[in-house]
All heavy atoms as atom14 arrays in JSON, in Angstrom:
{
  "sequence": "NVLGRKVLYLPGFFTYARHIVEVDGKRGL",
  "atom14_mask": [
    [1, 1, 1, 1, 1, 1, 1, 1, 0, 0, 0, 0, 0, 0],
    [1, 1, 1, 1, 1, 1, 1, 0, 0, 0, 0, 0, 0, 0],
    [1, 1, 1, 1, 1, 1, 1, 1, 0, 0, 0, 0, 0, 0],
    [1, 1, 1, 1, 0, 0, 0, 0, 0, 0, 0, 0, 0, 0],
    [1, 1, 1, 1, 1, 1, 1, 1, 1, 1, 1, 0, 0, 0],
    [1, 1, 1, 1, 1, 1, 1, 1, 1, 0, 0, 0, 0, 0],
    [1, 1, 1, 1, 1, 1, 1, 0, 0, 0, 0, 0, 0, 0],
    [1, 1, 1, 1, 1, 1, 1, 1, 0, 0, 0, 0, 0, 0],
    [1, 1, 1, 1, 1, 1, 1, 1, 1, 1, 1, 1, 0, 0],
    [1, 1, 1, 1, 1, 1, 1, 1, 0, 0, 0, 0, 0, 0],
    [1, 1, 1, 1, 1, 1, 1, 0, 0, 0, 0, 0, 0, 0],
    [1, 1, 1, 1, 0, 0, 0, 0, 0, 0, 0, 0, 0, 0],
    [1, 1, 1, 1, 1, 1, 1, 1, 1, 1, 1, 0, 0, 0],
    [1, 1, 1, 1, 1, 1, 1, 1, 1, 1, 1, 0, 0, 0],
    [1, 1, 1, 1, 1, 1, 1, 0, 0, 0, 0, 0, 0, 0],
    [1, 1, 1, 1, 1, 1, 1, 1, 1, 1, 1, 1, 0, 0],
    [1, 1, 1, 1, 1, 0, 0, 0, 0, 0, 0, 0, 0, 0],
    [1, 1, 1, 1, 1, 1, 1, 1, 1, 1, 1, 0, 0, 0],
    [1, 1, 1, 1, 1, 1, 1, 1, 1, 1, 0, 0, 0, 0],
    [1, 1, 1, 1, 1, 1, 1, 1, 0, 0, 0, 0, 0, 0],
    [1, 1, 1, 1, 1, 1, 1, 0, 0, 0, 0, 0, 0, 0],
    [1, 1, 1, 1, 1, 1, 1, 1, 1, 0, 0, 0, 0, 0],
    [1, 1, 1, 1, 1, 1, 1, 0, 0, 0, 0, 0, 0, 0],
    [1, 1, 1, 1, 1, 1, 1, 1, 0, 0, 0, 0, 0, 0],
    [1, 1, 1, 1, 0, 0, 0, 0, 0, 0, 0, 0, 0, 0],
    [1, 1, 1, 1, 1, 1, 1, 1, 1, 0, 0, 0, 0, 0],
    [1, 1, 1, 1, 1, 1, 1, 1, 1, 1, 1, 0, 0, 0],
    [1, 1, 1, 1, 0, 0, 0, 0, 0, 0, 0, 0, 0, 0],
    [1, 1, 1, 1, 1, 1, 1, 1, 0, 0, 0, 0, 0, 0]
  ],
  "atom14_positions": [
    [[104.14, -44.67, 125.67], [104.68, -45.22, 124.42], [103.74, -46.29, 123.88], [102.64, -46.51, 124.42], [106.09, -45.78, 124.65], [106.12, -46.89, 125.69], [105.09, -47.46, 126.05], [107.3, -47.2, 126.18], [0.0, 0.0, 0.0], [0.0, 0.0, 0.0], [0.0, 0.0, 0.0], [0.0, 0.0, 0.0], [0.0, 0.0, 0.0], [0.0, 0.0, 0.0]],
    [[104.16, -46.98, 122.82], [103.29, -47.97, 122.18], [103.0, -49.15, 123.09], [102.02, -49.87, 122.89], [103.93, -48.46, 120.87], [103.96, -47.36, 119.84], [105.33, -49.02, 121.12], [0.0, 0.0, 0.0], [0.0, 0.0, 0.0], [0.0, 0.0, 0.0], [0.0, 0.0, 0.0], [0.0, 0.0, 0.0], [0.0, 0.0, 0.0], [0.0, 0.0, 0.0]],
    [[103.84, -49.36, 124.1], [103.62, -50.45, 125.05], [102.78, -50.02, 126.24], [102.51, -50.84, 127.13], [104.97, -50.99, 125.54], [105.89, -51.56, 124.46], [107.21, -52.01, 125.08], [105.21, -52.71, 123.73], [0.0, 0.0, 0.0], [0.0, 0.0, 0.0], [0.0, 0.0, 0.0], [0.0, 0.0, 0.0], [0.0, 0.0, 0.0], [0.0, 0.0, 0.0]],
    [[102.38, -48.76, 126.24], [101.54, -48.26, 127.33], [102.31, -47.79, 128.54], [101.71, -47.42, 129.56], [0.0, 0.0, 0.0], [0.0, 0.0, 0.0], [0.0, 0.0, 0.0], [0.0, 0.0, 0.0], [0.0, 0.0, 0.0], [0.0, 0.0, 0.0], [0.0, 0.0, 0.0], [0.0, 0.0, 0.0], [0.0, 0.0, 0.0], [0.0, 0.0, 0.0]],
    [[103.64, -47.78, 128.46], [104.44, -47.33, 129.59], [104.56, -45.81, 129.61], [104.6, -45.17, 128.56], [105.83, -47.95, 129.52], [105.84, -49.47, 129.64], [107.24, -50.0, 129.46], [107.28, -51.46, 129.56], [108.37, -52.2, 129.35], [109.51, -51.6, 129.02], [108.31, -53.51, 129.46], [0.0, 0.0, 0.0], [0.0, 0.0, 0.0], [0.0, 0.0, 0.0]],
    [[104.63, -45.25, 130.81], [104.76, -43.81, 130.95], [106.18, -43.38, 130.59], [107.15, -43.96, 131.07], [104.43, -43.37, 132.37], [102.95, -43.48, 132.73], [102.7, -42.93, 134.12], [101.21, -42.98, 134.46], [100.95, -42.42, 135.82], [0.0, 0.0, 0.0], [0.0, 0.0, 0.0], [0.0, 0.0, 0.0], [0.0, 0.0, 0.0], [0.0, 0.0, 0.0]],
    [[106.27, -42.37, 129.75], [107.57, -41.81, 129.36], [107.46, -40.3, 129.34], [106.34, -39.74, 129.31], [108.03, -42.33, 127.98], [108.31, -43.81, 128.01], [106.99, -41.99, 126.92], [0.0, 0.0, 0.0], [0.0, 0.0, 0.0], [0.0, 0.0, 0.0], [0.0, 0.0, 0.0], [0.0, 0.0, 0.0], [0.0, 0.0, 0.0], [0.0, 0.0, 0.0]],
    [[108.61, -39.64, 129.34], [108.64, -38.18, 129.26], [108.89, -37.76, 127.81], [109.83, -38.25, 127.18], [109.73, -37.61, 130.15], [109.46, -37.65, 131.66], [110.68, -37.14, 132.42], [108.24, -36.82, 132.02], [0.0, 0.0, 0.0], [0.0, 0.0, 0.0], [0.0, 0.0, 0.0], [0.0, 0.0, 0.0], [0.0, 0.0, 0.0], [0.0, 0.0, 0.0]],
    [[108.03, -36.88, 127.31], [108.18, -36.37, 125.96], [108.49, -34.87, 126.01], [107.85, -34.11, 126.75], [106.9, -36.58, 125.15], [106.68, -38.0, 124.7], [105.74, -38.81, 125.34], [107.42, -38.54, 123.65], [105.53, -40.12, 124.92], [107.22, -39.84, 123.23], [106.27, -40.63, 123.87], [106.07, -41.93, 123.46], [0.0, 0.0, 0.0], [0.0, 0.0, 0.0]],
    [[109.47, -34.47, 125.2], [109.75, -33.05, 125.04], [108.76, -32.45, 124.05], [108.19, -33.18, 123.23], [111.18, -32.85, 124.54], [112.27, -33.24, 125.53], [113.64, -33.26, 124.85], [112.3, -32.28, 126.71], [0.0, 0.0, 0.0], [0.0, 0.0, 0.0], [0.0, 0.0, 0.0], [0.0, 0.0, 0.0], [0.0, 0.0, 0.0], [0.0, 0.0, 0.0]],
    [[108.54, -31.13, 124.12], [107.56, -30.51, 123.21], [107.88, -30.77, 121.74], [109.05, -30.71, 121.33], [107.67, -29.02, 123.54], [108.22, -28.98, 124.93], [109.12, -30.16, 125.05], [0.0, 0.0, 0.0], [0.0, 0.0, 0.0], [0.0, 0.0, 0.0], [0.0, 0.0, 0.0], [0.0, 0.0, 0.0], [0.0, 0.0, 0.0], [0.0, 0.0, 0.0]],
    [[106.85, -31.07, 120.96], [107.03, -31.28, 119.53], [107.04, -29.96, 118.78], [107.02, -28.87, 119.37], [0.0, 0.0, 0.0], [0.0, 0.0, 0.0], [0.0, 0.0, 0.0], [0.0, 0.0, 0.0], [0.0, 0.0, 0.0], [0.0, 0.0, 0.0], [0.0, 0.0, 0.0], [0.0, 0.0, 0.0], [0.0, 0.0, 0.0], [0.0, 0.0, 0.0]],
    [[107.05, -30.07, 117.45], [107.17, -28.88, 116.62], [106.07, -27.86, 116.88], [106.34, -26.67, 117.05], [107.16, -29.27, 115.14], [106.94, -28.12, 114.2], [107.92, -27.17, 113.99], [105.72, -27.96, 113.56], [107.71, -26.09, 113.15], [105.51, -26.89, 112.71], [106.5, -25.95, 112.51], [0.0, 0.0, 0.0], [0.0, 0.0, 0.0], [0.0, 0.0, 0.0]],
    [[104.82, -28.31, 116.92], [103.7, -27.37, 117.03], [103.7, -26.66, 118.38], [103.44, -25.45, 118.46], [102.39, -28.1, 116.79], [102.26, -28.68, 115.41], [102.44, -30.04, 115.19], [102.0, -27.86, 114.33], [102.34, -30.57, 113.91], [101.9, -28.38, 113.04], [102.09, -29.74, 112.84], [0.0, 0.0, 0.0], [0.0, 0.0, 0.0], [0.0, 0.0, 0.0]],
    [[104.01, -27.39, 119.46], [104.08, -26.76, 120.78], [105.23, -25.76, 120.85], [105.09, -24.66, 121.38], [104.25, -27.84, 121.86], [103.18, -28.78, 121.77], [104.26, -27.21, 123.24], [0.0, 0.0, 0.0], [0.0, 0.0, 0.0], [0.0, 0.0, 0.0], [0.0, 0.0, 0.0], [0.0, 0.0, 0.0], [0.0, 0.0, 0.0], [0.0, 0.0, 0.0]],
    [[106.36, -26.14, 120.28], [107.54, -25.27, 120.28], [107.27, -24.02, 119.44], [107.6, -22.89, 119.84], [108.74, -26.04, 119.7], [110.08, -25.59, 120.23], [110.97, -26.51, 120.77], [110.49, -24.26, 120.16], [112.22, -26.12, 121.24], [111.72, -23.86, 120.62], [112.59, -24.8, 121.16], [113.82, -24.39, 121.63], [0.0, 0.0, 0.0], [0.0, 0.0, 0.0]],
    [[106.65, -24.21, 118.28], [106.34, -23.06, 117.41], [105.36, -22.12, 118.11], [105.47, -20.89, 117.99], [105.77, -23.55, 116.09], [0.0, 0.0, 0.0], [0.0, 0.0, 0.0], [0.0, 0.0, 0.0], [0.0, 0.0, 0.0], [0.0, 0.0, 0.0], [0.0, 0.0, 0.0], [0.0, 0.0, 0.0], [0.0, 0.0, 0.0], [0.0, 0.0, 0.0]],
    [[104.4, -22.68, 118.82], [103.45, -21.85, 119.55], [104.15, -21.03, 120.62], [103.8, -19.86, 120.87], [102.36, -22.74, 120.16], [101.22, -21.95, 120.81], [99.98, -22.8, 121.01], [100.27, -24.04, 121.74], [100.2, -25.24, 121.21], [99.86, -25.39, 119.93], [100.44, -26.32, 121.93], [0.0, 0.0, 0.0], [0.0, 0.0, 0.0], [0.0, 0.0, 0.0]],
    [[105.17, -21.6, 121.25], [105.94, -20.86, 122.25], [106.68, -19.69, 121.6], [106.72, -18.58, 122.17], [106.94, -21.81, 122.92], [107.95, -21.12, 123.78], [107.62, -20.55, 125.0], [109.29, -20.87, 123.59], [108.7, -20.0, 125.53], [109.72, -20.18, 124.71], [0.0, 0.0, 0.0], [0.0, 0.0, 0.0], [0.0, 0.0, 0.0], [0.0, 0.0, 0.0]],
    [[107.24, -19.91, 120.41], [107.94, -18.83, 119.71], [106.97, -17.7, 119.38], [107.3, -16.51, 119.52], [108.6, -19.37, 118.43], [109.73, -20.35, 118.78], [109.16, -18.22, 117.58], [110.36, -21.02, 117.57], [0.0, 0.0, 0.0], [0.0, 0.0, 0.0], [0.0, 0.0, 0.0], [0.0, 0.0, 0.0], [0.0, 0.0, 0.0], [0.0, 0.0, 0.0]],
    [[105.76, -18.06, 118.95], [104.74, -17.05, 118.64], [104.37, -16.26, 119.88], [104.18, -15.04, 119.84], [103.5, -17.72, 118.01], [102.37, -16.71, 117.86], [103.84, -18.32, 116.66], [0.0, 0.0, 0.0], [0.0, 0.0, 0.0], [0.0, 0.0, 0.0], [0.0, 0.0, 0.0], [0.0, 0.0, 0.0], [0.0, 0.0, 0.0], [0.0, 0.0, 0.0]],
    [[104.26, -16.93, 121.02], [103.92, -16.25, 122.27], [105.0, -15.25, 122.67], [104.71, -14.2, 123.26], [103.72, -17.28, 123.38], [102.47, -18.13, 123.21], [102.39, -19.24, 124.26], [103.36, -19.39, 125.05], [101.36, -19.94, 124.29], [0.0, 0.0, 0.0], [0.0, 0.0, 0.0], [0.0, 0.0, 0.0], [0.0, 0.0, 0.0], [0.0, 0.0, 0.0]],
    [[106.26, -15.57, 122.35], [107.36, -14.7, 122.74], [107.59, -13.58, 121.71], [107.74, -12.41, 122.08], [108.66, -15.52, 122.9], [109.85, -14.61, 123.18], [108.51, -16.54, 124.02], [0.0, 0.0, 0.0], [0.0, 0.0, 0.0], [0.0, 0.0, 0.0], [0.0, 0.0, 0.0], [0.0, 0.0, 0.0], [0.0, 0.0, 0.0], [0.0, 0.0, 0.0]],
    [[107.62, -13.93, 120.44], [108.0, -12.98, 119.38], [106.87, -12.64, 118.41], [107.1, -11.85, 117.48], [109.19, -13.53, 118.58], [110.5, -13.41, 119.33], [110.56, -12.63, 120.29], [111.47, -14.11, 118.96], [0.0, 0.0, 0.0], [0.0, 0.0, 0.0], [0.0, 0.0, 0.0], [0.0, 0.0, 0.0], [0.0, 0.0, 0.0], [0.0, 0.0, 0.0]],
    [[105.71, -13.23, 118.56], [104.65, -13.02, 117.59], [104.84, -13.93, 116.37], [105.84, -14.64, 116.24], [0.0, 0.0, 0.0], [0.0, 0.0, 0.0], [0.0, 0.0, 0.0], [0.0, 0.0, 0.0], [0.0, 0.0, 0.0], [0.0, 0.0, 0.0], [0.0, 0.0, 0.0], [0.0, 0.0, 0.0], [0.0, 0.0, 0.0], [0.0, 0.0, 0.0]],
    [[103.88, -13.89, 115.46], [103.95, -14.77, 114.29], [105.15, -14.46, 113.4], [105.71, -15.36, 112.78], [102.65, -14.64, 113.48], [101.42, -15.2, 114.2], [100.16, -15.11, 113.36], [98.97, -15.7, 114.09], [97.72, -15.6, 113.3], [0.0, 0.0, 0.0], [0.0, 0.0, 0.0], [0.0, 0.0, 0.0], [0.0, 0.0, 0.0], [0.0, 0.0, 0.0]],
    [[105.53, -13.19, 113.35], [106.7, -12.83, 112.54], [107.97, -13.46, 113.1], [108.95, -13.65, 112.37], [106.85, -11.32, 112.48], [105.75, -10.6, 111.69], [106.01, -9.12, 111.61], [107.28, -8.81, 110.94], [107.77, -7.59, 110.83], [107.1, -6.56, 111.33], [108.91, -7.4, 110.21], [0.0, 0.0, 0.0], [0.0, 0.0, 0.0], [0.0, 0.0, 0.0]],
    [[107.94, -13.8, 114.38], [109.11, -14.39, 114.99], [109.47, -15.75, 114.41], [110.62, -16.18, 114.49], [0.0, 0.0, 0.0], [0.0, 0.0, 0.0], [0.0, 0.0, 0.0], [0.0, 0.0, 0.0], [0.0, 0.0, 0.0], [0.0, 0.0, 0.0], [0.0, 0.0, 0.0], [0.0, 0.0, 0.0], [0.0, 0.0, 0.0], [0.0, 0.0, 0.0]],
    [[108.48, -16.43, 113.8], [108.75, -17.73, 113.18], [109.62, -17.6, 111.94], [110.12, -18.61, 111.43], [107.43, -18.41, 112.81], [106.6, -18.99, 113.96], [105.25, -19.48, 113.46], [107.35, -20.13, 114.66], [0.0, 0.0, 0.0], [0.0, 0.0, 0.0], [0.0, 0.0, 0.0], [0.0, 0.0, 0.0], [0.0, 0.0, 0.0], [0.0, 0.0, 0.0]]
  ]
}
């Protein structure tokens, strides 16, 4: 985070969208 502490982040939009493409292809979006 902004304070330099380690935190857990869930996948953002681009990572999530890439996962959808891997599963269903670009049309899947």
